[in-house]
Amino acid sequence: MIDSNKMSLVTPENAADYAAALSAADIPALVEQLASAEDKIRYPAFLLLKERSASRADVYPFWDVFDAKLTDANSYQRSIGAMLISANARHDAAGKLRQSLPRYLTLLSDSKPITVRQCAQALPEILRAKPEFAEPISDAILQVSLMDYKDTMRKLILLDFLETLLICRALYPTPALEEYFFSVLSGSILDDKSKKQLRARLSI
């Protein structure tokens, strides 16, 4: 069993090592700790469960708990739910993602920019595991209004979106995607350097 002393030592850099040493009995306790209001409890629990999901399927049975977090009033919980769903998409033999994805994608228009970014950054993990969802994911991103966010956040959110859209383009190219890329290149959100990098990745 992992105790509070070990939990206090968990960091993003060593979480994979600690996650590999977890016992089956640790998983339910860590899932419960995700609901803690204390960051020193919630964050290491999240790191351990995310890293465990990368190599084992024993976090997947708690999918419905993560799904419920997608509509939580607390933005931290919404982000945690989305990121752990992404991490467990590779284990989704039961097809739960099909039901969860619409709720997940609403977070791309969340009132909290950090939640938008964390959810967007986790989407490539879903696409690698379940490429058949490229169409609904790209459609959802294209519908997000970046102007709803402060100008200091628009570029950051857009860059996160573009990482996912480039994957979607390879999996499910559509005219709507090409139009979006064109509008980004002709718009004012990205700086010249970012536009040049995007053109290179688009090979145009």
N, C-alpha and C. Protein backbone atom coordinates (compact mmCIF):
# COMPACT_ATOMS: atom_id res chain seq x y z
N MET A 1 0.84 -1.20 0.00
CA MET A 1 0.00 0.00 0.00
C MET A 1 0.87 1.25 0.00
N ILE A 2 0.49 2.22 -0.79
CA ILE A 2 1.24 3.47 -0.81
C ILE A 2 0.71 4.36 0.31
N ASP A 3 1.60 4.88 1.13
CA ASP A 3 1.18 5.69 2.28
C ASP A 3 1.38 7.18 1.99
N SER A 4 0.98 8.00 2.96
CA SER A 4 1.03 9.45 2.78
C SER A 4 2.47 9.95 2.61
N ASN A 5 3.42 9.27 3.25
CA ASN A 5 4.81 9.69 3.12
C ASN A 5 5.30 9.51 1.69
N LYS A 6 4.99 8.36 1.09
CA LYS A 6 5.38 8.12 -0.29
C LYS A 6 4.62 9.06 -1.23
N MET A 7 3.35 9.31 -0.94
CA MET A 7 2.54 10.21 -1.78
C MET A 7 3.18 11.60 -1.85
N SER A 8 3.76 12.02 -0.74
CA SER A 8 4.37 13.36 -0.70
C SER A 8 5.61 13.45 -1.56
N LEU A 9 6.15 12.31 -1.97
CA LEU A 9 7.37 12.28 -2.78
C LEU A 9 7.09 12.20 -4.28
N VAL A 10 5.82 11.97 -4.63
CA VAL A 10 5.46 11.78 -6.04
C VAL A 10 5.53 13.09 -6.80
N THR A 11 6.22 13.06 -7.93
CA THR A 11 6.34 14.21 -8.82
C THR A 11 6.07 13.74 -10.25
N PRO A 12 5.85 14.66 -11.20
CA PRO A 12 5.69 14.23 -12.59
C PRO A 12 6.88 13.43 -13.11
N GLU A 13 8.06 13.70 -12.57
CA GLU A 13 9.27 13.03 -13.04
C GLU A 13 9.39 11.58 -12.54
N ASN A 14 8.90 11.30 -11.34
CA ASN A 14 9.06 9.95 -10.79
C ASN A 14 7.75 9.17 -10.67
N ALA A 15 6.64 9.76 -11.10
CA ALA A 15 5.34 9.14 -10.92
C ALA A 15 5.25 7.76 -11.57
N ALA A 16 5.90 7.59 -12.72
CA ALA A 16 5.84 6.30 -13.41
C ALA A 16 6.44 5.19 -12.55
N ASP A 17 7.52 5.48 -11.86
CA ASP A 17 8.16 4.48 -11.00
C ASP A 17 7.26 4.10 -9.84
N TYR A 18 6.68 5.10 -9.21
CA TYR A 18 5.77 4.82 -8.09
C TYR A 18 4.51 4.10 -8.58
N ALA A 19 4.03 4.47 -9.75
CA ALA A 19 2.82 3.85 -10.29
C ALA A 19 3.04 2.37 -10.57
N ALA A 20 4.23 2.03 -11.03
CA ALA A 20 4.54 0.63 -11.34
C ALA A 20 4.55 -0.23 -10.08
N ALA A 21 4.81 0.39 -8.95
CA ALA A 21 4.90 -0.36 -7.69
C ALA A 21 3.57 -0.42 -6.94
N LEU A 22 2.52 0.17 -7.49
CA LEU A 22 1.22 0.15 -6.81
C LEU A 22 0.67 -1.27 -6.72
N SER A 23 -0.11 -1.51 -5.67
CA SER A 23 -0.83 -2.77 -5.55
C SER A 23 -2.26 -2.56 -6.02
N ALA A 24 -2.98 -3.64 -6.27
CA ALA A 24 -4.37 -3.54 -6.71
C ALA A 24 -5.22 -2.80 -5.69
N ALA A 25 -4.88 -2.93 -4.42
CA ALA A 25 -5.65 -2.28 -3.36
C ALA A 25 -5.44 -0.77 -3.33
N ASP A 26 -4.37 -0.30 -3.93
CA ASP A 26 -4.09 1.14 -3.95
C ASP A 26 -5.04 1.91 -4.87
N ILE A 27 -5.48 1.27 -5.93
CA ILE A 27 -6.22 1.98 -6.98
C ILE A 27 -7.51 2.61 -6.47
N PRO A 28 -8.42 1.87 -5.80
CA PRO A 28 -9.65 2.51 -5.31
C PRO A 28 -9.38 3.67 -4.36
N ALA A 29 -8.36 3.53 -3.51
CA ALA A 29 -8.03 4.60 -2.57
C ALA A 29 -7.56 5.85 -3.31
N LEU A 30 -6.76 5.67 -4.33
CA LEU A 30 -6.27 6.82 -5.11
C LEU A 30 -7.41 7.49 -5.86
N VAL A 31 -8.33 6.70 -6.39
CA VAL A 31 -9.48 7.27 -7.10
C VAL A 31 -10.30 8.12 -6.13
N GLU A 32 -10.46 7.64 -4.92
CA GLU A 32 -11.20 8.40 -3.90
C GLU A 32 -10.47 9.70 -3.56
N GLN A 33 -9.15 9.65 -3.52
CA GLN A 33 -8.38 10.84 -3.18
C GLN A 33 -8.43 11.93 -4.26
N LEU A 34 -8.84 11.56 -5.45
CA LEU A 34 -8.99 12.57 -6.50
C LEU A 34 -9.99 13.65 -6.12
N ALA A 35 -10.94 13.31 -5.25
CA ALA A 35 -11.98 14.26 -4.86
C ALA A 35 -11.53 15.19 -3.74
N SER A 36 -10.32 14.99 -3.23
CA SER A 36 -9.83 15.82 -2.13
C SER A 36 -9.71 17.28 -2.54
N ALA A 37 -10.01 18.16 -1.60
CA ALA A 37 -9.84 19.59 -1.84
C ALA A 37 -8.39 20.02 -1.66
N GLU A 38 -7.58 19.12 -1.12
CA GLU A 38 -6.17 19.44 -0.87
C GLU A 38 -5.32 19.00 -2.05
N ASP A 39 -4.63 19.96 -2.62
CA ASP A 39 -3.82 19.68 -3.80
C ASP A 39 -2.72 18.66 -3.51
N LYS A 40 -2.18 18.68 -2.29
CA LYS A 40 -1.09 17.76 -1.95
C LYS A 40 -1.57 16.31 -1.90
N ILE A 41 -2.87 16.10 -1.81
CA ILE A 41 -3.45 14.76 -1.86
C ILE A 41 -3.96 14.45 -3.27
N ARG A 42 -4.70 15.39 -3.83
CA ARG A 42 -5.35 15.18 -5.14
C ARG A 42 -4.34 15.04 -6.26
N TYR A 43 -3.34 15.90 -6.31
CA TYR A 43 -2.42 15.92 -7.45
C TYR A 43 -1.56 14.66 -7.55
N PRO A 44 -0.91 14.21 -6.47
CA PRO A 44 -0.14 12.96 -6.61
C PRO A 44 -1.02 11.76 -6.93
N ALA A 45 -2.24 11.75 -6.41
CA ALA A 45 -3.16 10.66 -6.75
C ALA A 45 -3.45 10.65 -8.24
N PHE A 46 -3.66 11.84 -8.79
CA PHE A 46 -3.89 11.96 -10.23
C PHE A 46 -2.67 11.49 -11.02
N LEU A 47 -1.49 11.94 -10.63
CA LEU A 47 -0.27 11.56 -11.35
C LEU A 47 -0.09 10.04 -11.36
N LEU A 48 -0.33 9.43 -10.22
CA LEU A 48 -0.14 7.98 -10.11
C LEU A 48 -1.16 7.23 -10.99
N LEU A 49 -2.40 7.67 -10.97
CA LEU A 49 -3.42 6.99 -11.76
C LEU A 49 -3.18 7.19 -13.25
N LYS A 50 -2.73 8.37 -13.63
CA LYS A 50 -2.44 8.63 -15.04
C LYS A 50 -1.27 7.76 -15.53
N GLU A 51 -0.22 7.70 -14.75
CA GLU A 51 0.93 6.88 -15.14
C GLU A 51 0.58 5.39 -15.10
N ARG A 52 -0.20 4.97 -14.13
CA ARG A 52 -0.62 3.58 -14.07
C ARG A 52 -1.42 3.21 -15.32
N SER A 53 -2.24 4.13 -15.79
CA SER A 53 -3.09 3.88 -16.96
C SER A 53 -2.28 3.68 -18.22
N ALA A 54 -1.07 4.22 -18.24
CA ALA A 54 -0.22 4.09 -19.42
C ALA A 54 0.25 2.67 -19.64
N SER A 55 0.27 1.87 -18.57
CA SER A 55 0.82 0.52 -18.69
C SER A 55 -0.11 -0.59 -18.21
N ARG A 56 -1.11 -0.23 -17.41
CA ARG A 56 -2.02 -1.24 -16.85
C ARG A 56 -3.46 -0.84 -17.10
N ALA A 57 -4.34 -1.83 -17.07
CA ALA A 57 -5.78 -1.57 -17.30
C ALA A 57 -6.58 -1.55 -16.00
N ASP A 58 -5.90 -1.55 -14.84
CA ASP A 58 -6.65 -1.66 -13.59
C ASP A 58 -7.23 -0.35 -13.09
N VAL A 59 -7.01 0.75 -13.81
CA VAL A 59 -7.68 2.01 -13.50
C VAL A 59 -8.96 2.15 -14.33
N TYR A 60 -8.99 1.47 -15.46
CA TYR A 60 -10.13 1.55 -16.38
C TYR A 60 -11.48 1.23 -15.73
N PRO A 61 -11.58 0.28 -14.78
CA PRO A 61 -12.88 0.00 -14.17
C PRO A 61 -13.54 1.21 -13.49
N PHE A 62 -12.76 2.27 -13.26
CA PHE A 62 -13.29 3.47 -12.61
C PHE A 62 -13.68 4.54 -13.64
N TRP A 63 -13.81 4.13 -14.88
CA TRP A 63 -14.17 5.05 -15.97
C TRP A 63 -15.40 5.88 -15.62
N ASP A 64 -16.43 5.26 -15.08
CA ASP A 64 -17.67 5.99 -14.80
C ASP A 64 -17.45 7.09 -13.76
N VAL A 65 -16.50 6.89 -12.85
CA VAL A 65 -16.16 7.94 -11.88
C VAL A 65 -15.56 9.13 -12.62
N PHE A 66 -14.68 8.85 -13.56
CA PHE A 66 -14.04 9.93 -14.32
C PHE A 66 -15.07 10.63 -15.22
N ASP A 67 -15.97 9.85 -15.78
CA ASP A 67 -17.01 10.42 -16.62
C ASP A 67 -17.87 11.40 -15.84
N ALA A 68 -18.23 11.03 -14.61
CA ALA A 68 -19.05 11.90 -13.77
C ALA A 68 -18.35 13.23 -13.48
N LYS A 69 -17.02 13.20 -13.43
CA LYS A 69 -16.27 14.41 -13.14
C LYS A 69 -16.34 15.43 -14.29
N LEU A 70 -16.65 14.98 -15.48
CA LEU A 70 -16.70 15.88 -16.64
C LEU A 70 -17.73 16.99 -16.46
N THR A 71 -18.74 16.76 -15.65
CA THR A 71 -19.77 17.78 -15.42
C THR A 71 -19.73 18.32 -13.99
N ASP A 72 -18.62 18.09 -13.31
CA ASP A 72 -18.47 18.58 -11.93
C ASP A 72 -18.42 20.10 -11.91
N ALA A 73 -18.92 20.70 -10.84
CA ALA A 73 -18.89 22.16 -10.71
C ALA A 73 -17.47 22.69 -10.54
N ASN A 74 -16.57 21.84 -10.09
CA ASN A 74 -15.19 22.24 -9.85
C ASN A 74 -14.35 22.00 -11.10
N SER A 75 -13.67 23.01 -11.57
CA SER A 75 -12.91 22.89 -12.82
C SER A 75 -11.74 21.91 -12.70
N TYR A 76 -11.15 21.79 -11.50
CA TYR A 76 -10.07 20.81 -11.31
C TYR A 76 -10.60 19.41 -11.57
N GLN A 77 -11.81 19.14 -11.05
CA GLN A 77 -12.40 17.82 -11.23
C GLN A 77 -12.75 17.56 -12.69
N ARG A 78 -13.22 18.57 -13.39
CA ARG A 78 -13.52 18.41 -14.82
C ARG A 78 -12.25 18.04 -15.59
N SER A 79 -11.17 18.73 -15.29
CA SER A 79 -9.90 18.46 -15.97
C SER A 79 -9.39 17.05 -15.64
N ILE A 80 -9.47 16.68 -14.36
CA ILE A 80 -9.03 15.35 -13.95
C ILE A 80 -9.82 14.28 -14.67
N GLY A 81 -11.13 14.46 -14.73
CA GLY A 81 -11.97 13.48 -15.42
C GLY A 81 -11.57 13.32 -16.87
N ALA A 82 -11.37 14.43 -17.55
CA ALA A 82 -11.02 14.39 -18.98
C ALA A 82 -9.66 13.73 -19.20
N MET A 83 -8.68 14.10 -18.39
CA MET A 83 -7.34 13.57 -18.61
C MET A 83 -7.25 12.08 -18.29
N LEU A 84 -8.00 11.62 -17.31
CA LEU A 84 -7.98 10.20 -17.00
C LEU A 84 -8.80 9.38 -17.99
N ILE A 85 -9.82 9.97 -18.56
CA ILE A 85 -10.53 9.30 -19.65
C ILE A 85 -9.59 9.15 -20.85
N SER A 86 -8.86 10.20 -21.17
CA SER A 86 -7.90 10.13 -22.27
C SER A 86 -6.86 9.04 -22.01
N ALA A 87 -6.37 8.99 -20.78
CA ALA A 87 -5.33 8.02 -20.43
C ALA A 87 -5.83 6.58 -20.51
N ASN A 88 -7.14 6.40 -20.33
CA ASN A 88 -7.70 5.06 -20.33
C ASN A 88 -8.42 4.69 -21.62
N ALA A 89 -8.39 5.58 -22.59
CA ALA A 89 -9.03 5.27 -23.88
C ALA A 89 -8.41 4.02 -24.50
N ARG A 90 -7.14 3.79 -24.27
CA ARG A 90 -6.45 2.62 -24.83
C ARG A 90 -7.00 1.31 -24.27
N HIS A 91 -7.64 1.37 -23.10
CA HIS A 91 -8.17 0.17 -22.47
C HIS A 91 -9.66 -0.01 -22.70
N ASP A 92 -10.25 0.88 -23.49
CA ASP A 92 -11.72 0.92 -23.61
C ASP A 92 -12.26 -0.15 -24.56
N ALA A 93 -12.22 -1.38 -24.13
CA ALA A 93 -12.77 -2.47 -24.93
C ALA A 93 -14.29 -2.49 -24.87
N ALA A 94 -14.87 -1.87 -23.86
CA ALA A 94 -16.33 -1.88 -23.69
C ALA A 94 -17.03 -0.77 -24.47
N GLY A 95 -16.27 0.12 -25.10
CA GLY A 95 -16.87 1.19 -25.90
C GLY A 95 -17.48 2.32 -25.11
N LYS A 96 -16.98 2.55 -23.90
CA LYS A 96 -17.53 3.62 -23.06
C LYS A 96 -17.23 5.01 -23.61
N LEU A 97 -16.15 5.14 -24.36
CA LEU A 97 -15.77 6.46 -24.86
C LEU A 97 -16.84 7.06 -25.76
N ARG A 98 -17.53 6.23 -26.49
CA ARG A 98 -18.57 6.74 -27.39
C ARG A 98 -19.63 7.54 -26.62
N GLN A 99 -19.95 7.08 -25.42
CA GLN A 99 -20.94 7.79 -24.60
C GLN A 99 -20.32 8.99 -23.88
N SER A 100 -19.06 8.88 -23.51
CA SER A 100 -18.41 9.94 -22.74
C SER A 100 -17.93 11.10 -23.60
N LEU A 101 -17.60 10.83 -24.84
CA LEU A 101 -16.96 11.85 -25.66
C LEU A 101 -17.76 13.13 -25.82
N PRO A 102 -19.08 13.10 -26.03
CA PRO A 102 -19.80 14.37 -26.14
C PRO A 102 -19.64 15.25 -24.90
N ARG A 103 -19.67 14.65 -23.71
CA ARG A 103 -19.48 15.43 -22.48
C ARG A 103 -18.05 15.96 -22.41
N TYR A 104 -17.10 15.13 -22.82
CA TYR A 104 -15.70 15.55 -22.84
C TYR A 104 -15.53 16.77 -23.76
N LEU A 105 -16.08 16.69 -24.94
CA LEU A 105 -15.86 17.74 -25.94
C LEU A 105 -16.50 19.08 -25.56
N THR A 106 -17.50 19.06 -24.70
CA THR A 106 -18.07 20.34 -24.24
C THR A 106 -17.04 21.14 -23.45
N LEU A 107 -16.05 20.45 -22.89
CA LEU A 107 -15.02 21.13 -22.10
C LEU A 107 -14.07 21.95 -22.97
N LEU A 108 -14.13 21.74 -24.28
CA LEU A 108 -13.31 22.57 -25.18
C LEU A 108 -13.84 24.00 -25.25
N SER A 109 -15.03 24.21 -24.70
CA SER A 109 -15.60 25.56 -24.59
C SER A 109 -15.82 25.92 -23.13
N ASP A 110 -15.07 25.32 -22.25
CA ASP A 110 -15.22 25.55 -20.81
C ASP A 110 -14.92 27.00 -20.46
N SER A 111 -15.52 27.45 -19.36
CA SER A 111 -15.29 28.83 -18.93
C SER A 111 -13.87 29.05 -18.41
N LYS A 112 -13.21 27.96 -18.01
CA LYS A 112 -11.84 28.06 -17.50
C LYS A 112 -10.84 27.71 -18.59
N PRO A 113 -10.04 28.67 -19.03
CA PRO A 113 -9.07 28.39 -20.10
C PRO A 113 -8.12 27.24 -19.80
N ILE A 114 -7.72 27.08 -18.54
CA ILE A 114 -6.79 26.00 -18.20
C ILE A 114 -7.46 24.65 -18.42
N THR A 115 -8.76 24.56 -18.15
CA THR A 115 -9.49 23.31 -18.40
C THR A 115 -9.56 23.03 -19.89
N VAL A 116 -9.82 24.06 -20.67
CA VAL A 116 -9.84 23.93 -22.13
C VAL A 116 -8.50 23.38 -22.61
N ARG A 117 -7.42 23.96 -22.12
CA ARG A 117 -6.09 23.55 -22.57
C ARG A 117 -5.76 22.12 -22.14
N GLN A 118 -6.06 21.78 -20.92
CA GLN A 118 -5.74 20.43 -20.45
C GLN A 118 -6.53 19.38 -21.21
N CYS A 119 -7.78 19.68 -21.51
CA CYS A 119 -8.60 18.74 -22.27
C CYS A 119 -8.11 18.63 -23.71
N ALA A 120 -7.76 19.76 -24.30
CA ALA A 120 -7.26 19.76 -25.67
C ALA A 120 -5.93 19.01 -25.76
N GLN A 121 -5.06 19.22 -24.80
CA GLN A 121 -3.75 18.57 -24.81
C GLN A 121 -3.84 17.05 -24.65
N ALA A 122 -4.94 16.59 -24.07
CA ALA A 122 -5.12 15.15 -23.86
C ALA A 122 -5.78 14.46 -25.05
N LEU A 123 -6.33 15.23 -25.97
CA LEU A 123 -7.04 14.64 -27.11
C LEU A 123 -6.16 13.77 -28.02
N PRO A 124 -4.90 14.15 -28.28
CA PRO A 124 -4.07 13.25 -29.11
C PRO A 124 -3.96 11.84 -28.55
N GLU A 125 -4.02 11.72 -27.22
CA GLU A 125 -3.95 10.39 -26.62
C GLU A 125 -5.19 9.56 -26.99
N ILE A 126 -6.34 10.24 -27.04
CA ILE A 126 -7.55 9.55 -27.47
C ILE A 126 -7.44 9.15 -28.94
N LEU A 127 -6.94 10.04 -29.76
CA LEU A 127 -6.84 9.77 -31.20
C LEU A 127 -5.86 8.64 -31.50
N ARG A 128 -4.80 8.55 -30.73
CA ARG A 128 -3.86 7.44 -30.93
C ARG A 128 -4.51 6.10 -30.59
N ALA A 129 -5.37 6.11 -29.57
CA ALA A 129 -6.03 4.87 -29.15
C ALA A 129 -7.27 4.57 -29.98
N LYS A 130 -8.01 5.62 -30.34
CA LYS A 130 -9.29 5.47 -31.03
C LYS A 130 -9.37 6.44 -32.21
N PRO A 131 -8.64 6.17 -33.28
CA PRO A 131 -8.62 7.11 -34.41
C PRO A 131 -9.98 7.29 -35.08
N GLU A 132 -10.91 6.40 -34.83
CA GLU A 132 -12.23 6.51 -35.45
C GLU A 132 -13.01 7.72 -34.94
N PHE A 133 -12.51 8.36 -33.88
CA PHE A 133 -13.20 9.53 -33.35
C PHE A 133 -12.62 10.85 -33.87
N ALA A 134 -11.82 10.79 -34.90
CA ALA A 134 -11.22 12.01 -35.46
C ALA A 134 -12.29 12.99 -35.94
N GLU A 135 -13.33 12.49 -36.57
CA GLU A 135 -14.36 13.39 -37.12
C GLU A 135 -15.08 14.18 -36.02
N PRO A 136 -15.67 13.55 -35.01
CA PRO A 136 -16.36 14.35 -33.99
C PRO A 136 -15.41 15.25 -33.21
N ILE A 137 -14.18 14.82 -33.02
CA ILE A 137 -13.23 15.66 -32.29
C ILE A 137 -12.89 16.91 -33.10
N SER A 138 -12.59 16.74 -34.39
CA SER A 138 -12.27 17.91 -35.20
C SER A 138 -13.48 18.83 -35.33
N ASP A 139 -14.66 18.26 -35.50
CA ASP A 139 -15.88 19.07 -35.60
C ASP A 139 -16.08 19.92 -34.35
N ALA A 140 -15.83 19.33 -33.18
CA ALA A 140 -16.02 20.06 -31.93
C ALA A 140 -15.04 21.22 -31.81
N ILE A 141 -13.79 20.98 -32.17
CA ILE A 141 -12.79 22.05 -32.09
C ILE A 141 -13.15 23.20 -33.03
N LEU A 142 -13.59 22.87 -34.22
CA LEU A 142 -13.91 23.90 -35.21
C LEU A 142 -15.07 24.79 -34.76
N GLN A 143 -15.86 24.31 -33.84
CA GLN A 143 -17.01 25.08 -33.37
C GLN A 143 -16.68 26.00 -32.19
N VAL A 144 -15.48 25.88 -31.64
CA VAL A 144 -15.10 26.69 -30.48
C VAL A 144 -14.80 28.12 -30.92
N SER A 145 -15.34 29.07 -30.20
CA SER A 145 -15.07 30.48 -30.48
C SER A 145 -13.92 30.95 -29.60
N LEU A 146 -12.77 31.15 -30.20
CA LEU A 146 -11.60 31.61 -29.44
C LEU A 146 -11.78 33.02 -28.89
N MET A 147 -12.67 33.76 -29.52
CA MET A 147 -12.89 35.13 -29.08
C MET A 147 -13.60 35.20 -27.73
N ASP A 148 -14.08 34.07 -27.25
CA ASP A 148 -14.70 34.03 -25.93
C ASP A 148 -13.67 34.09 -24.81
N TYR A 149 -12.39 33.98 -25.17
CA TYR A 149 -11.33 33.95 -24.17
C TYR A 149 -10.47 35.22 -24.26
N LYS A 150 -9.80 35.54 -23.17
CA LYS A 150 -8.93 36.70 -23.16
C LYS A 150 -7.86 36.56 -24.24
N ASP A 151 -7.46 37.68 -24.81
CA ASP A 151 -6.50 37.62 -25.91
C ASP A 151 -5.18 36.99 -25.49
N THR A 152 -4.84 37.05 -24.20
CA THR A 152 -3.61 36.44 -23.72
C THR A 152 -3.67 34.91 -23.76
N MET A 153 -4.88 34.36 -23.83
CA MET A 153 -5.04 32.90 -23.82
C MET A 153 -5.33 32.34 -25.22
N ARG A 154 -5.73 33.18 -26.14
CA ARG A 154 -6.20 32.67 -27.44
C ARG A 154 -5.12 31.91 -28.20
N LYS A 155 -3.91 32.45 -28.24
CA LYS A 155 -2.84 31.78 -28.98
C LYS A 155 -2.52 30.43 -28.36
N LEU A 156 -2.45 30.37 -27.04
CA LEU A 156 -2.11 29.13 -26.35
C LEU A 156 -3.16 28.05 -26.62
N ILE A 157 -4.43 28.44 -26.52
CA ILE A 157 -5.51 27.49 -26.79
C ILE A 157 -5.47 27.05 -28.24
N LEU A 158 -5.26 28.00 -29.14
CA LEU A 158 -5.22 27.68 -30.56
C LEU A 158 -4.09 26.71 -30.88
N LEU A 159 -2.93 26.92 -30.31
CA LEU A 159 -1.81 26.01 -30.55
C LEU A 159 -2.13 24.60 -30.06
N ASP A 160 -2.81 24.50 -28.93
CA ASP A 160 -3.24 23.18 -28.44
C ASP A 160 -4.21 22.54 -29.42
N PHE A 161 -5.15 23.34 -29.90
CA PHE A 161 -6.13 22.83 -30.87
C PHE A 161 -5.44 22.34 -32.14
N LEU A 162 -4.47 23.10 -32.60
CA LEU A 162 -3.81 22.76 -33.86
C LEU A 162 -3.07 21.43 -33.77
N GLU A 163 -2.49 21.13 -32.62
CA GLU A 163 -1.81 19.84 -32.45
C GLU A 163 -2.78 18.69 -32.70
N THR A 164 -3.99 18.82 -32.16
CA THR A 164 -5.00 17.78 -32.35
C THR A 164 -5.51 17.78 -33.78
N LEU A 165 -5.75 18.96 -34.33
CA LEU A 165 -6.31 19.04 -35.69
C LEU A 165 -5.36 18.50 -36.74
N LEU A 166 -4.07 18.63 -36.51
CA LEU A 166 -3.10 18.08 -37.46
C LEU A 166 -3.18 16.55 -37.48
N ILE A 167 -3.43 15.96 -36.32
CA ILE A 167 -3.62 14.51 -36.26
C ILE A 167 -4.93 14.14 -36.95
N CYS A 168 -5.97 14.91 -36.68
CA CYS A 168 -7.27 14.66 -37.33
C CYS A 168 -7.16 14.77 -38.85
N ARG A 169 -6.36 15.71 -39.30
CA ARG A 169 -6.18 15.89 -40.74
C ARG A 169 -5.57 14.65 -41.38
N ALA A 170 -4.64 14.02 -40.70
CA ALA A 170 -4.02 12.81 -41.22
C ALA A 170 -4.98 11.63 -41.21
N LEU A 171 -5.88 11.63 -40.23
CA LEU A 171 -6.82 10.51 -40.08
C LEU A 171 -8.11 10.69 -40.87
N TYR A 172 -8.58 11.94 -40.92
CA TYR A 172 -9.89 12.20 -41.53
C TYR A 172 -9.88 13.60 -42.15
N PRO A 173 -9.21 13.77 -43.28
CA PRO A 173 -9.12 15.11 -43.90
C PRO A 173 -10.47 15.56 -44.44
N THR A 174 -10.79 16.82 -44.21
CA THR A 174 -12.04 17.38 -44.71
C THR A 174 -11.81 18.80 -45.22
N PRO A 175 -12.65 19.29 -46.11
CA PRO A 175 -12.55 20.69 -46.56
C PRO A 175 -12.68 21.67 -45.40
N ALA A 176 -13.51 21.34 -44.42
CA ALA A 176 -13.70 22.24 -43.28
C ALA A 176 -12.40 22.42 -42.50
N LEU A 177 -11.62 21.36 -42.38
CA LEU A 177 -10.33 21.47 -41.71
C LEU A 177 -9.38 22.37 -42.49
N GLU A 178 -9.34 22.21 -43.80
CA GLU A 178 -8.46 23.04 -44.62
C GLU A 178 -8.85 24.51 -44.53
N GLU A 179 -10.14 24.75 -44.49
CA GLU A 179 -10.62 26.13 -44.36
C GLU A 179 -10.20 26.71 -43.00
N TYR A 180 -10.24 25.89 -41.98
CA TYR A 180 -9.85 26.34 -40.65
C TYR A 180 -8.37 26.70 -40.62
N PHE A 181 -7.54 25.83 -41.19
CA PHE A 181 -6.11 26.12 -41.23
C PHE A 181 -5.84 27.41 -42.02
N PHE A 182 -6.56 27.60 -43.12
CA PHE A 182 -6.38 28.81 -43.92
C PHE A 182 -6.76 30.05 -43.12
N SER A 183 -7.87 29.96 -42.37
CA SER A 183 -8.31 31.10 -41.57
C SER A 183 -7.31 31.42 -40.47
N VAL A 184 -6.70 30.38 -39.91
CA VAL A 184 -5.69 30.59 -38.87
C VAL A 184 -4.46 31.29 -39.46
N LEU A 185 -4.05 30.85 -40.64
CA LEU A 185 -2.87 31.42 -41.28
C LEU A 185 -3.10 32.86 -41.75
N SER A 186 -4.33 33.18 -42.02
CA SER A 186 -4.64 34.54 -42.48
C SER A 186 -5.14 35.43 -41.33
N GLY A 187 -5.27 34.85 -40.15
CA GLY A 187 -5.77 35.60 -39.01
C GLY A 187 -4.66 36.26 -38.22
N SER A 188 -5.03 36.82 -37.06
CA SER A 188 -4.08 37.61 -36.28
C SER A 188 -3.73 36.98 -34.93
N ILE A 189 -4.24 35.79 -34.65
CA ILE A 189 -3.97 35.19 -33.34
C ILE A 189 -2.54 34.66 -33.26
N LEU A 190 -2.09 33.98 -34.32
CA LEU A 190 -0.72 33.45 -34.33
C LEU A 190 0.27 34.50 -34.80
N ASP A 191 1.49 34.45 -34.27
CA ASP A 191 2.55 35.33 -34.75
C ASP A 191 3.17 34.73 -36.01
N ASP A 192 4.04 35.48 -36.63
CA ASP A 192 4.63 35.02 -37.90
C ASP A 192 5.41 33.73 -37.75
N LYS A 193 6.14 33.60 -36.65
CA LYS A 193 6.93 32.39 -36.44
C LYS A 193 6.02 31.16 -36.33
N SER A 194 4.94 31.29 -35.59
CA SER A 194 4.01 30.17 -35.43
C SER A 194 3.33 29.82 -36.75
N LYS A 195 3.03 30.83 -37.54
CA LYS A 195 2.42 30.59 -38.85
C LYS A 195 3.39 29.86 -39.78
N LYS A 196 4.64 30.25 -39.72
CA LYS A 196 5.65 29.59 -40.56
C LYS A 196 5.77 28.11 -40.18
N GLN A 197 5.77 27.85 -38.88
CA GLN A 197 5.86 26.47 -38.40
C GLN A 197 4.63 25.66 -38.82
N LEU A 198 3.48 26.29 -38.77
CA LEU A 198 2.25 25.61 -39.18
C LEU A 198 2.27 25.30 -40.68
N ARG A 199 2.71 26.26 -41.48
CA ARG A 199 2.79 26.03 -42.93
C ARG A 199 3.71 24.85 -43.24
N ALA A 200 4.81 24.77 -42.51
CA ALA A 200 5.75 23.66 -42.75
C ALA A 200 5.10 22.32 -42.42
N ARG A 201 4.33 22.30 -41.35
CA ARG A 201 3.68 21.04 -40.95
C ARG A 201 2.52 20.68 -41.90
N LEU A 202 1.94 21.71 -42.49
CA LEU A 202 0.88 21.46 -43.46
C LEU A 202 1.44 21.17 -44.85
N SER A 203 2.73 21.44 -45.01
CA SER A 203 3.42 21.28 -46.30
C SER A 203 2.78 22.14 -47.39
N ILE A 204 2.58 23.43 -47.03
CA ILE A 204 2.03 24.36 -48.04
C ILE A 204 2.93 25.60 -48.11
